């Protein structure tokens, strides 16, 4: 219901995300949308880049028709190096084990991981992030406590996992900083 209600907003944002990634995604690539949620972002990437797409999530909340695989375990039921690109769009703060998820993304990606993430860099954005986390956890009965990292903390996580930060850019600033990270595997 929630995703259907705000679908047009999600679609507009997904187009902006594709435009920001234009230099990093080639047409026809095989993309994994990890934590695809309603599938709107993945579907937009699929159409924008004429890509082959697979969405994966722990619960099926798709509101668009994309190829989908359910995966509730910490290891993805996918072969090593089976995707050109892994897209992780505003998902990492919803998992209690972002390092495990990033490690799996690294395992299944041949080339890059693209991460979009909320960054609480001011007191006001910290309040918005906490409210978002609380409301998401209640609305979707998320069993894992939502946790937000600073930009510096994310960069340290990427370094610990041996991921190369190829590019980062603030893509939005209000009410919460949203950051794009492009990682080489």
C-alpha atoms as a PDB file:
ATOM      1  CA  UNK A   1       0.000   0.000   0.000  1.00  0.00           C
ATOM      2  CA  UNK A   2       2.729   2.477   1.015  1.00  0.00           C
ATOM      3  CA  UNK A   3       4.761   1.959  -2.162  1.00  0.00           C
ATOM      4  CA  UNK A   4       1.687   2.121  -4.376  1.00  0.00           C
ATOM      5  CA  UNK A   5       0.683   5.412  -2.726  1.00  0.00           C
ATOM      6  CA  UNK A   6       4.089   7.040  -3.296  1.00  0.00           C
ATOM      7  CA  UNK A   7       4.967   5.267  -6.546  1.00  0.00           C
ATOM      8  CA  UNK A   8       5.228   8.431  -8.700  1.00  0.00           C
ATOM      9  CA  UNK A   9       7.625  10.015  -6.201  1.00  0.00           C
ATOM     10  CA  UNK A  10       9.784   6.881  -6.219  1.00  0.00           C
ATOM     11  CA  UNK A  11       9.769   6.790 -10.022  1.00  0.00           C
ATOM     12  CA  UNK A  12      10.926  10.428 -10.314  1.00  0.00           C
ATOM     13  CA  UNK A  13      13.686   9.844  -7.782  1.00  0.00           C
ATOM     14  CA  UNK A  14      14.748   6.641  -9.571  1.00  0.00           C
ATOM     15  CA  UNK A  15      15.166   8.552 -12.852  1.00  0.00           C
ATOM     16  CA  UNK A  16      17.389  11.096 -11.050  1.00  0.00           C
ATOM     17  CA  UNK A  17      19.412   8.208  -9.608  1.00  0.00           C
ATOM     18  CA  UNK A  18      19.931   6.763 -13.096  1.00  0.00           C
ATOM     19  CA  UNK A  19      21.089  10.139 -14.377  1.00  0.00           C
ATOM     20  CA  UNK A  20      23.628  10.381 -11.530  1.00  0.00           C
ATOM     21  CA  UNK A  21      24.954   6.906 -12.423  1.00  0.00           C
ATOM     22  CA  UNK A  22      25.202   7.459 -16.175  1.00  0.00           C
ATOM     23  CA  UNK A  23      29.031   7.521 -16.107  1.00  0.00           C
ATOM     24  CA  UNK A  24      29.228   4.216 -14.219  1.00  0.00           C
ATOM     25  CA  UNK A  25      26.624   1.970 -15.844  1.00  0.00           C
ATOM     26  CA  UNK A  26      26.839   0.723 -19.417  1.00  0.00           C
ATOM     27  CA  UNK A  27      23.822  -0.225 -21.476  1.00  0.00           C
ATOM     28  CA  UNK A  28      23.024  -3.922 -21.432  1.00  0.00           C
ATOM     29  CA  UNK A  29      24.784  -4.743 -18.163  1.00  0.00           C
ATOM     30  CA  UNK A  30      23.516  -7.450 -15.830  1.00  0.00           C
ATOM     31  CA  UNK A  31      22.356  -5.684 -12.631  1.00  0.00           C
ATOM     32  CA  UNK A  32      21.411  -7.100  -9.238  1.00  0.00           C
ATOM     33  CA  UNK A  33      19.072  -4.829  -7.250  1.00  0.00           C
ATOM     34  CA  UNK A  34      19.949  -5.997  -3.740  1.00  0.00           C
ATOM     35  CA  UNK A  35      17.157  -5.205  -1.299  1.00  0.00           C
ATOM     36  CA  UNK A  36      14.885  -4.208  -4.161  1.00  0.00           C
ATOM     37  CA  UNK A  37      11.804  -3.440  -2.046  1.00  0.00           C
ATOM     38  CA  UNK A  38       9.008  -2.406  -4.425  1.00  0.00           C
ATOM     39  CA  UNK A  39      11.323  -2.850  -7.433  1.00  0.00           C
ATOM     40  CA  UNK A  40      10.755   0.678  -8.728  1.00  0.00           C
ATOM     41  CA  UNK A  41      14.422   1.712  -8.688  1.00  0.00           C
ATOM     42  CA  UNK A  42      15.588  -1.544 -10.274  1.00  0.00           C
ATOM     43  CA  UNK A  43      12.888  -1.396 -12.957  1.00  0.00           C
ATOM     44  CA  UNK A  44      13.909   2.189 -13.775  1.00  0.00           C
ATOM     45  CA  UNK A  45      17.589   1.160 -14.041  1.00  0.00           C
ATOM     46  CA  UNK A  46      16.536  -1.772 -16.249  1.00  0.00           C
ATOM     47  CA  UNK A  47      14.672   0.511 -18.648  1.00  0.00           C
ATOM     48  CA  UNK A  48      17.108   3.461 -18.524  1.00  0.00           C
ATOM     49  CA  UNK A  49      20.186   1.308 -19.214  1.00  0.00           C
ATOM     50  CA  UNK A  50      18.468  -1.484 -21.200  1.00  0.00           C
ATOM     51  CA  UNK A  51      19.868  -3.796 -18.546  1.00  0.00           C
ATOM     52  CA  UNK A  52      19.224  -7.359 -17.528  1.00  0.00           C
ATOM     53  CA  UNK A  53      17.906  -7.151 -13.950  1.00  0.00           C
ATOM     54  CA  UNK A  54      17.289  -9.379 -10.956  1.00  0.00           C
ATOM     55  CA  UNK A  55      15.733  -8.076  -7.747  1.00  0.00           C
ATOM     56  CA  UNK A  56      16.479  -9.774  -4.434  1.00  0.00           C
ATOM     57  CA  UNK A  57      14.934  -9.070  -1.049  1.00  0.00           C
ATOM     58  CA  UNK A  58      13.990 -10.818   2.184  1.00  0.00           C
ATOM     59  CA  UNK A  59      10.274 -10.099   1.561  1.00  0.00           C
ATOM     60  CA  UNK A  60       8.416  -9.723  -1.731  1.00  0.00           C
ATOM     61  CA  UNK A  61       7.040  -6.155  -1.754  1.00  0.00           C
ATOM     62  CA  UNK A  62       7.207  -5.599  -5.514  1.00  0.00           C
ATOM     63  CA  UNK A  63       4.722  -3.222  -7.096  1.00  0.00           C
ATOM     64  CA  UNK A  64       6.336  -3.565 -10.544  1.00  0.00           C
ATOM     65  CA  UNK A  65       7.069  -6.673 -12.564  1.00  0.00           C
ATOM     66  CA  UNK A  66      10.773  -7.508 -12.338  1.00  0.00           C
ATOM     67  CA  UNK A  67      12.555 -10.869 -12.141  1.00  0.00           C
ATOM     68  CA  UNK A  68      12.805 -11.607  -8.422  1.00  0.00           C
ATOM     69  CA  UNK A  69      14.430 -14.006  -6.016  1.00  0.00           C
ATOM     70  CA  UNK A  70      13.546 -14.281  -2.337  1.00  0.00           C
ATOM     71  CA  UNK A  71      16.564 -14.556  -0.047  1.00  0.00           C
ATOM     72  CA  UNK A  72      16.262 -14.504   3.704  1.00  0.00           C
ATOM     73  CA  UNK A  73      19.755 -15.741   4.451  1.00  0.00           C
ATOM     74  CA  UNK A  74      22.974 -13.809   4.908  1.00  0.00           C
ATOM     75  CA  UNK A  75      24.458 -15.517   1.846  1.00  0.00           C
ATOM     76  CA  UNK A  76      22.839 -14.833  -1.503  1.00  0.00           C
ATOM     77  CA  UNK A  77      21.741 -17.871  -3.551  1.00  0.00           C
ATOM     78  CA  UNK A  78      23.752 -16.550  -6.509  1.00  0.00           C
ATOM     79  CA  UNK A  79      27.014 -17.546  -8.184  1.00  0.00           C
ATOM     80  CA  UNK A  80      30.254 -15.603  -7.724  1.00  0.00           C
ATOM     81  CA  UNK A  81      30.836 -12.814 -10.274  1.00  0.00           C
ATOM     82  CA  UNK A  82      27.391 -13.344 -11.802  1.00  0.00           C
ATOM     83  CA  UNK A  83      26.504  -9.638 -12.178  1.00  0.00           C
ATOM     84  CA  UNK A  84      28.286  -6.695 -13.763  1.00  0.00           C
ATOM     85  CA  UNK A  85      26.881  -4.365 -11.154  1.00  0.00           C
ATOM     86  CA  UNK A  86      25.137  -4.562  -7.797  1.00  0.00           C
ATOM     87  CA  UNK A  87      22.772  -1.733  -6.867  1.00  0.00           C
ATOM     88  CA  UNK A  88      22.057  -1.142  -3.173  1.00  0.00           C
ATOM     89  CA  UNK A  89      19.569   1.683  -2.894  1.00  0.00           C
ATOM     90  CA  UNK A  90      18.839   2.989   0.634  1.00  0.00           C
ATOM     91  CA  UNK A  91      19.003  -0.530   2.062  1.00  0.00           C
ATOM     92  CA  UNK A  92      22.141  -0.775   4.187  1.00  0.00           C
ATOM     93  CA  UNK A  93      20.709   1.209   7.114  1.00  0.00           C
ATOM     94  CA  UNK A  94      17.848  -1.325   7.326  1.00  0.00           C
ATOM     95  CA  UNK A  95      20.100  -4.330   7.845  1.00  0.00           C
ATOM     96  CA  UNK A  96      21.777  -5.226  11.085  1.00  0.00           C
ATOM     97  CA  UNK A  97      24.761  -6.557   9.132  1.00  0.00           C
ATOM     98  CA  UNK A  98      25.710  -4.085   6.390  1.00  0.00           C
ATOM     99  CA  UNK A  99      29.230  -5.551   6.146  1.00  0.00           C
ATOM    100  CA  UNK A 100      27.806  -9.008   5.408  1.00  0.00           C
ATOM    101  CA  UNK A 101      25.492  -7.586   2.740  1.00  0.00           C
ATOM    102  CA  UNK A 102      28.330  -5.594   1.155  1.00  0.00           C
ATOM    103  CA  UNK A 103      30.561  -8.682   1.284  1.00  0.00           C
ATOM    104  CA  UNK A 104      27.927 -10.656  -0.613  1.00  0.00           C
ATOM    105  CA  UNK A 105      27.554  -7.806  -3.116  1.00  0.00           C
ATOM    106  CA  UNK A 106      31.318  -7.908  -3.650  1.00  0.00           C
ATOM    107  CA  UNK A 107      31.205 -11.683  -4.149  1.00  0.00           C
ATOM    108  CA  UNK A 108      28.517 -11.616  -6.853  1.00  0.00           C
ATOM    109  CA  UNK A 109      29.730  -8.477  -8.679  1.00  0.00           C
ATOM    110  CA  UNK A 110      32.302  -8.596 -11.468  1.00  0.00           C
ATOM    111  CA  UNK A 111      32.887  -4.864 -11.576  1.00  0.00           C
ATOM    112  CA  UNK A 112      31.056  -2.341  -9.391  1.00  0.00           C
ATOM    113  CA  UNK A 113      28.717  -1.788  -6.494  1.00  0.00           C
ATOM    114  CA  UNK A 114      26.573   1.340  -6.493  1.00  0.00           C
ATOM    115  CA  UNK A 115      25.295   2.402  -3.081  1.00  0.00           C
ATOM    116  CA  UNK A 116      22.816   5.151  -2.287  1.00  0.00           C
ATOM    117  CA  UNK A 117      22.577   5.822   1.433  1.00  0.00           C
ATOM    118  CA  UNK A 118      21.124   8.352   3.889  1.00  0.00           C
ATOM    119  CA  UNK A 119      23.834  10.127   5.902  1.00  0.00           C
ATOM    120  CA  UNK A 120      22.885  11.883   9.165  1.00  0.00           C
ATOM    121  CA  UNK A 121      25.464  14.686   9.044  1.00  0.00           C
ATOM    122  CA  UNK A 122      23.611  17.319  11.131  1.00  0.00           C
ATOM    123  CA  UNK A 123      21.451  17.156  14.238  1.00  0.00           C
ATOM    124  CA  UNK A 124      18.300  17.804  12.200  1.00  0.00           C
ATOM    125  CA  UNK A 125      19.132  15.078   9.673  1.00  0.00           C
ATOM    126  CA  UNK A 126      19.870  12.768  12.603  1.00  0.00           C
ATOM    127  CA  UNK A 127      16.329  13.365  13.856  1.00  0.00           C
ATOM    128  CA  UNK A 128      14.880  12.701  10.393  1.00  0.00           C
ATOM    129  CA  UNK A 129      16.927   9.499  10.071  1.00  0.00           C
ATOM    130  CA  UNK A 130      15.820   8.241  13.484  1.00  0.00           C
ATOM    131  CA  UNK A 131      12.185   9.014  12.631  1.00  0.00           C
ATOM    132  CA  UNK A 132      12.543   7.265   9.264  1.00  0.00           C
ATOM    133  CA  UNK A 133      14.121   4.236  10.922  1.00  0.00           C
ATOM    134  CA  UNK A 134      11.482   4.052  13.639  1.00  0.00           C
ATOM    135  CA  UNK A 135       8.541   4.477  11.252  1.00  0.00           C
ATOM    136  CA  UNK A 136       9.961   1.993   8.698  1.00  0.00           C
ATOM    137  CA  UNK A 137      10.618  -0.585  11.399  1.00  0.00           C
ATOM    138  CA  UNK A 138       7.034  -0.253  12.678  1.00  0.00           C
ATOM    139  CA  UNK A 139       5.280   0.010   9.285  1.00  0.00           C
ATOM    140  CA  UNK A 140       7.089  -2.940   7.701  1.00  0.00           C
ATOM    141  CA  UNK A 141       7.687  -4.896  10.926  1.00  0.00           C
ATOM    142  CA  UNK A 142      11.411  -4.830  10.283  1.00  0.00           C
ATOM    143  CA  UNK A 143      13.005  -7.167  12.861  1.00  0.00           C
ATOM    144  CA  UNK A 144      16.388  -5.417  12.590  1.00  0.00           C
ATOM    145  CA  UNK A 145      17.031  -2.052  14.217  1.00  0.00           C
ATOM    146  CA  UNK A 146      17.718   0.624  11.621  1.00  0.00           C
ATOM    147  CA  UNK A 147      21.240   2.092  11.925  1.00  0.00           C
ATOM    148  CA  UNK A 148      22.694   5.053  10.040  1.00  0.00           C
ATOM    149  CA  UNK A 149      26.431   5.618   9.506  1.00  0.00           C
ATOM    150  CA  UNK A 150      28.332   8.801   8.795  1.00  0.00           C
ATOM    151  CA  UNK A 151      30.126   9.248   5.482  1.00  0.00           C
ATOM    152  CA  UNK A 152      33.438   8.639   7.243  1.00  0.00           C
ATOM    153  CA  UNK A 153      32.107   5.419   8.820  1.00  0.00           C
ATOM    154  CA  UNK A 154      30.895   4.123   5.445  1.00  0.00           C
ATOM    155  CA  UNK A 155      34.254   4.858   3.861  1.00  0.00           C
ATOM    156  CA  UNK A 156      35.946   2.911   6.653  1.00  0.00           C
ATOM    157  CA  UNK A 157      33.580  -0.049   6.125  1.00  0.00           C
ATOM    158  CA  UNK A 158      34.338  -0.029   2.388  1.00  0.00           C
ATOM    159  CA  UNK A 159      38.072   0.029   3.124  1.00  0.00           C
ATOM    160  CA  UNK A 160      37.793  -2.864   5.613  1.00  0.00           C
ATOM    161  CA  UNK A 161      36.033  -4.943   2.953  1.00  0.00           C
ATOM    162  CA  UNK A 162      38.641  -4.189   0.294  1.00  0.00           C
ATOM    163  CA  UNK A 163      36.217  -2.166  -1.822  1.00  0.00           C
ATOM    164  CA  UNK A 164      37.737   0.694  -3.812  1.00  0.00           C
ATOM    165  CA  UNK A 165      35.871   3.980  -3.542  1.00  0.00           C
ATOM    166  CA  UNK A 166      35.809   5.144  -7.164  1.00  0.00           C
ATOM    167  CA  UNK A 167      33.408   8.047  -6.709  1.00  0.00           C
ATOM    168  CA  UNK A 168      31.191   9.646  -4.102  1.00  0.00           C
ATOM    169  CA  UNK A 169      28.800  12.543  -4.387  1.00  0.00           C
ATOM    170  CA  UNK A 170      26.100  14.169  -2.345  1.00  0.00           C
ATOM    171  CA  UNK A 171      22.914  13.735  -4.361  1.00  0.00           C
ATOM    172  CA  UNK A 172      20.516  15.519  -2.037  1.00  0.00           C
ATOM    173  CA  UNK A 173      20.877  17.620   1.053  1.00  0.00           C
ATOM    174  CA  UNK A 174      17.569  18.279   2.725  1.00  0.00           C
ATOM    175  CA  UNK A 175      16.193  17.125   5.034  1.00  0.00           C
ATOM    176  CA  UNK A 176      18.772  14.323   5.010  1.00  0.00           C
ATOM    177  CA  UNK A 177      22.045  14.140   3.116  1.00  0.00           C
ATOM    178  CA  UNK A 178      21.870  11.372   0.537  1.00  0.00           C
ATOM    179  CA  UNK A 179      25.161  10.055  -0.774  1.00  0.00           C
ATOM    180  CA  UNK A 180      26.061   8.085  -3.882  1.00  0.00           C
ATOM    181  CA  UNK A 181      29.057   5.764  -3.500  1.00  0.00           C
ATOM    182  CA  UNK A 182      30.492   3.928  -6.502  1.00  0.00           C
ATOM    183  CA  UNK A 183      32.734   1.052  -5.437  1.00  0.00           C
ATOM    184  CA  UNK A 184      35.111  -1.095  -7.426  1.00  0.00           C
ATOM    185  CA  UNK A 185      35.321  -4.757  -6.405  1.00  0.00           C
END
